[in-house]
């Protein structure tokens, strides 16, 4: 049973390892992930940071 599961998973995991190697290893994966997240959530992240700064100013009495 375990041998059959291993035989099924091995090509899948090898494919993932090959894709990671093709993207430049961990550095490539992190860079690609950061670009993807920035592309999807970039505007929301910037808006949230501006809101956070405004709230800190209000709470600290600077505004």
Protein backbone atom coordinates (compact mmCIF):
# COMPACT_ATOMS: atom_id res chain seq x y z
CA UNK A 1 0.00 0.00 0.00
CA UNK A 2 2.71 2.51 0.95
CA UNK A 3 4.79 1.56 -2.07
CA UNK A 4 1.84 2.32 -4.35
CA UNK A 5 1.31 5.70 -2.68
CA UNK A 6 5.02 6.42 -3.05
CA UNK A 7 4.94 5.47 -6.71
CA UNK A 8 2.04 7.89 -7.27
CA UNK A 9 3.50 10.81 -5.29
CA UNK A 10 7.10 10.59 -6.49
CA UNK A 11 6.52 11.99 -10.02
CA UNK A 12 4.32 14.78 -8.60
CA UNK A 13 6.89 15.82 -5.99
CA UNK A 14 9.73 15.53 -8.49
CA UNK A 15 7.81 17.84 -10.82
CA UNK A 16 7.41 20.40 -8.05
CA UNK A 17 11.12 20.16 -7.21
CA UNK A 18 12.00 20.65 -10.89
CA UNK A 19 9.71 23.69 -11.12
CA UNK A 20 11.33 25.22 -8.02
CA UNK A 21 14.79 24.61 -9.49
CA UNK A 22 13.71 26.15 -12.81
CA UNK A 23 12.57 29.30 -11.00
CA UNK A 24 15.95 29.75 -9.34
CA UNK A 25 15.38 27.89 -6.10
CA UNK A 26 13.98 29.50 -2.97
CA UNK A 27 15.04 33.02 -4.01
CA UNK A 28 13.09 32.71 -7.24
CA UNK A 29 10.02 31.35 -5.48
CA UNK A 30 10.07 34.16 -2.90
CA UNK A 31 10.50 36.82 -5.58
CA UNK A 32 7.68 35.37 -7.69
CA UNK A 33 5.40 35.10 -4.67
CA UNK A 34 6.13 38.69 -3.64
CA UNK A 35 5.39 39.96 -7.15
CA UNK A 36 2.15 37.98 -7.28
CA UNK A 37 0.97 39.23 -3.88
CA UNK A 38 1.94 42.80 -4.78
CA UNK A 39 0.04 42.54 -8.05
CA UNK A 40 -3.09 41.26 -6.36
CA UNK A 41 -3.08 43.22 -3.09
CA UNK A 42 -0.71 46.13 -3.80
CA UNK A 43 -3.34 48.87 -3.71
CA UNK A 44 -4.97 47.48 -0.59
CA UNK A 45 -1.62 47.19 1.19
CA UNK A 46 -0.74 50.81 0.41
CA UNK A 47 -4.19 52.00 1.49
CA UNK A 48 -3.95 50.06 4.73
CA UNK A 49 -0.51 51.52 5.48
CA UNK A 50 -1.79 55.07 4.96
CA UNK A 51 -4.73 54.32 7.24
CA UNK A 52 -2.39 52.88 9.87
CA UNK A 53 -0.22 56.00 9.80
CA UNK A 54 -3.29 58.22 10.18
CA UNK A 55 -4.51 56.17 13.14
CA UNK A 56 -1.11 56.30 14.84
CA UNK A 57 -1.05 60.09 14.40
CA UNK A 58 -4.52 60.40 15.94
CA UNK A 59 -3.68 58.11 18.86
CA UNK A 60 -0.39 59.88 19.57
CA UNK A 61 -1.96 63.34 19.36
CA UNK A 62 0.11 64.45 16.38
CA UNK A 63 -2.98 65.23 14.33
